[in-house]
Amino acid sequence: FRPHESPMFFQIVLIARLGVGLAAAAVFAYMVWDCVKRRATQSATAMFYLSMVLVFIGELAGQFLMRSEGLAV
């Protein structure tokens, strides 16, 4: 069994790349900006760190798609 040959696994990784790595990170970027605007720097820092974790997960998914499928997303 090769996990990258399963179409469902491919869809999950693609959703992780686009949904978590790009869309959720963009939402968190807005939330960080709003917290900084209200001078809630501790909350902004926590959201910034969480957004970096989401970007890292998205980048890992992107690297997997590039190496296994040759798909640059």
N, C-alpha and C. Protein backbone atom coordinates (compact mmCIF):
# COMPACT_ATOMS: atom_id res chain seq x y z
N PHE A 1 0.84 -1.19 0.00
CA PHE A 1 0.00 0.00 0.00
C PHE A 1 0.87 1.24 0.00
N ARG A 2 0.67 2.05 -0.99
CA ARG A 2 1.40 3.33 -1.06
C ARG A 2 0.39 4.44 -0.81
N PRO A 3 0.59 5.22 0.27
CA PRO A 3 -0.42 6.22 0.61
C PRO A 3 -0.58 7.32 -0.43
N HIS A 4 0.47 7.64 -1.18
CA HIS A 4 0.35 8.72 -2.15
C HIS A 4 -0.41 8.31 -3.40
N GLU A 5 -0.72 7.01 -3.56
CA GLU A 5 -1.50 6.56 -4.71
C GLU A 5 -3.01 6.61 -4.44
N SER A 6 -3.40 6.82 -3.21
CA SER A 6 -4.81 6.89 -2.86
C SER A 6 -5.35 8.28 -3.17
N PRO A 7 -6.45 8.38 -3.94
CA PRO A 7 -6.99 9.71 -4.26
C PRO A 7 -7.49 10.45 -3.03
N MET A 8 -7.98 9.73 -2.03
CA MET A 8 -8.45 10.39 -0.82
C MET A 8 -7.29 10.99 -0.04
N PHE A 9 -6.17 10.28 0.02
CA PHE A 9 -4.99 10.81 0.70
C PHE A 9 -4.49 12.06 -0.01
N PHE A 10 -4.51 12.04 -1.33
CA PHE A 10 -4.10 13.21 -2.10
C PHE A 10 -4.99 14.40 -1.79
N GLN A 11 -6.29 14.17 -1.69
CA GLN A 11 -7.22 15.26 -1.38
C GLN A 11 -6.99 15.81 0.02
N ILE A 12 -6.70 14.94 0.97
CA ILE A 12 -6.43 15.39 2.34
C ILE A 12 -5.18 16.25 2.38
N VAL A 13 -4.14 15.83 1.69
CA VAL A 13 -2.90 16.61 1.68
C VAL A 13 -3.11 17.93 0.95
N LEU A 14 -3.87 17.92 -0.13
CA LEU A 14 -4.15 19.16 -0.86
C LEU A 14 -4.97 20.13 -0.01
N ILE A 15 -5.94 19.62 0.73
CA ILE A 15 -6.72 20.47 1.63
C ILE A 15 -5.83 21.02 2.74
N ALA A 16 -4.91 20.19 3.24
CA ALA A 16 -3.99 20.67 4.27
C ALA A 16 -3.13 21.79 3.72
N ARG A 17 -2.69 21.66 2.48
CA ARG A 17 -1.85 22.70 1.88
C ARG A 17 -2.62 23.99 1.67
N LEU A 18 -3.78 23.89 1.04
CA LEU A 18 -4.53 25.10 0.71
C LEU A 18 -5.33 25.63 1.89
N GLY A 19 -6.00 24.74 2.60
CA GLY A 19 -6.86 25.18 3.69
C GLY A 19 -6.11 25.62 4.92
N VAL A 20 -5.19 24.79 5.37
CA VAL A 20 -4.45 25.09 6.59
C VAL A 20 -3.29 26.02 6.30
N GLY A 21 -2.52 25.72 5.27
CA GLY A 21 -1.32 26.49 5.01
C GLY A 21 -1.55 27.88 4.47
N LEU A 22 -2.62 28.09 3.74
CA LEU A 22 -2.86 29.40 3.14
C LEU A 22 -4.07 30.11 3.75
N ALA A 23 -5.24 29.47 3.71
CA ALA A 23 -6.46 30.15 4.14
C ALA A 23 -6.48 30.40 5.65
N ALA A 24 -6.19 29.37 6.44
CA ALA A 24 -6.21 29.56 7.89
C ALA A 24 -5.11 30.51 8.33
N ALA A 25 -3.97 30.46 7.68
CA ALA A 25 -2.89 31.39 8.03
C ALA A 25 -3.28 32.83 7.70
N ALA A 26 -4.02 33.03 6.63
CA ALA A 26 -4.48 34.38 6.29
C ALA A 26 -5.49 34.89 7.32
N VAL A 27 -6.36 34.02 7.78
CA VAL A 27 -7.32 34.41 8.82
C VAL A 27 -6.58 34.77 10.10
N PHE A 28 -5.59 33.97 10.46
CA PHE A 28 -4.81 34.27 11.67
C PHE A 28 -4.00 35.54 11.51
N ALA A 29 -3.54 35.84 10.32
CA ALA A 29 -2.81 37.10 10.10
C ALA A 29 -3.72 38.29 10.38
N TYR A 30 -4.96 38.21 9.93
CA TYR A 30 -5.91 39.28 10.24
C TYR A 30 -6.16 39.37 11.74
N MET A 31 -6.29 38.23 12.41
CA MET A 31 -6.52 38.23 13.85
C MET A 31 -5.34 38.83 14.60
N VAL A 32 -4.12 38.53 14.17
CA VAL A 32 -2.93 39.12 14.79
C VAL A 32 -2.94 40.62 14.58
N TRP A 33 -3.24 41.07 13.38
CA TRP A 33 -3.28 42.50 13.10
C TRP A 33 -4.31 43.20 13.98
N ASP A 34 -5.47 42.58 14.15
CA ASP A 34 -6.51 43.17 14.98
C ASP A 34 -6.09 43.23 16.45
N CYS A 35 -5.43 42.19 16.94
CA CYS A 35 -4.95 42.20 18.33
C CYS A 35 -3.89 43.26 18.55
N VAL A 36 -3.00 43.42 17.60
CA VAL A 36 -1.96 44.45 17.73
C VAL A 36 -2.59 45.84 17.69
N LYS A 37 -3.59 46.01 16.85
CA LYS A 37 -4.28 47.29 16.75
C LYS A 37 -4.92 47.66 18.09
N ARG A 38 -5.41 46.64 18.82
CA ARG A 38 -6.01 46.89 20.13
C ARG A 38 -4.99 46.82 21.26
N ARG A 39 -3.72 46.69 20.92
CA ARG A 39 -2.61 46.61 21.87
C ARG A 39 -2.68 45.39 22.79
N ALA A 40 -3.22 44.31 22.29
CA ALA A 40 -3.25 43.04 23.02
C ALA A 40 -2.10 42.19 22.51
N THR A 41 -0.89 42.57 22.90
CA THR A 41 0.29 41.95 22.31
C THR A 41 0.49 40.50 22.74
N GLN A 42 0.06 40.14 23.95
CA GLN A 42 0.22 38.76 24.38
C GLN A 42 -0.66 37.84 23.53
N SER A 43 -1.87 38.25 23.28
CA SER A 43 -2.76 37.46 22.41
C SER A 43 -2.24 37.42 20.99
N ALA A 44 -1.71 38.55 20.52
CA ALA A 44 -1.17 38.60 19.16
C ALA A 44 0.02 37.67 19.02
N THR A 45 0.86 37.60 20.05
CA THR A 45 2.02 36.71 20.00
C THR A 45 1.59 35.25 19.93
N ALA A 46 0.60 34.88 20.73
CA ALA A 46 0.11 33.49 20.71
C ALA A 46 -0.48 33.14 19.35
N MET A 47 -1.24 34.05 18.78
CA MET A 47 -1.83 33.78 17.46
C MET A 47 -0.77 33.76 16.38
N PHE A 48 0.24 34.59 16.52
CA PHE A 48 1.35 34.58 15.56
C PHE A 48 2.06 33.23 15.58
N TYR A 49 2.36 32.72 16.77
CA TYR A 49 3.03 31.42 16.87
C TYR A 49 2.15 30.31 16.31
N LEU A 50 0.86 30.36 16.58
CA LEU A 50 -0.04 29.35 16.04
C LEU A 50 -0.11 29.43 14.52
N SER A 51 -0.10 30.64 13.99
CA SER A 51 -0.13 30.77 12.53
C SER A 51 1.16 30.24 11.91
N MET A 52 2.28 30.38 12.59
CA MET A 52 3.53 29.84 12.08
C MET A 52 3.49 28.31 12.04
N VAL A 53 2.84 27.69 13.02
CA VAL A 53 2.67 26.23 13.01
C VAL A 53 1.80 25.82 11.82
N LEU A 54 0.73 26.57 11.57
CA LEU A 54 -0.14 26.26 10.43
C LEU A 54 0.59 26.42 9.10
N VAL A 55 1.40 27.46 8.99
CA VAL A 55 2.19 27.66 7.76
C VAL A 55 3.18 26.51 7.59
N PHE A 56 3.80 26.08 8.68
CA PHE A 56 4.75 24.96 8.61
C PHE A 56 4.05 23.69 8.14
N ILE A 57 2.86 23.41 8.66
CA ILE A 57 2.10 22.23 8.23
C ILE A 57 1.76 22.34 6.74
N GLY A 58 1.36 23.52 6.31
CA GLY A 58 1.05 23.73 4.89
C GLY A 58 2.27 23.55 4.01
N GLU A 59 3.41 24.02 4.47
CA GLU A 59 4.64 23.86 3.68
C GLU A 59 5.07 22.40 3.61
N LEU A 60 4.90 21.66 4.70
CA LEU A 60 5.20 20.23 4.65
C LEU A 60 4.30 19.52 3.64
N ALA A 61 3.03 19.87 3.64
CA ALA A 61 2.10 19.28 2.68
C ALA A 61 2.49 19.67 1.26
N GLY A 62 2.91 20.91 1.05
CA GLY A 62 3.34 21.36 -0.27
C GLY A 62 4.59 20.62 -0.75
N GLN A 63 5.54 20.41 0.16
CA GLN A 63 6.74 19.66 -0.20
C GLN A 63 6.40 18.22 -0.57
N PHE A 64 5.47 17.62 0.19
CA PHE A 64 5.05 16.26 -0.12
C PHE A 64 4.41 16.19 -1.50
N LEU A 65 3.53 17.14 -1.81
CA LEU A 65 2.88 17.15 -3.12
C LEU A 65 3.89 17.35 -4.24
N MET A 66 4.89 18.18 -4.00
CA MET A 66 5.91 18.44 -5.02
C MET A 66 6.75 17.19 -5.28
N ARG A 67 7.14 16.51 -4.22
CA ARG A 67 8.01 15.34 -4.39
C ARG A 67 7.26 14.11 -4.89
N SER A 68 6.03 13.90 -4.42
CA SER A 68 5.34 12.67 -4.80
C SER A 68 4.55 12.80 -6.10
N GLU A 69 3.96 13.96 -6.35
CA GLU A 69 3.09 14.13 -7.51
C GLU A 69 3.67 15.06 -8.56
N GLY A 70 4.71 15.80 -8.22
CA GLY A 70 5.26 16.79 -9.14
C GLY A 70 4.35 17.99 -9.28
N LEU A 71 3.53 18.22 -8.27
CA LEU A 71 2.53 19.29 -8.30
C LEU A 71 3.01 20.45 -7.44
N ALA A 72 3.23 21.59 -8.07
CA ALA A 72 3.66 22.78 -7.33
C ALA A 72 2.44 23.58 -6.94
N VAL A 73 2.05 23.45 -5.69
CA VAL A 73 0.86 24.16 -5.19
C VAL A 73 1.31 25.20 -4.21
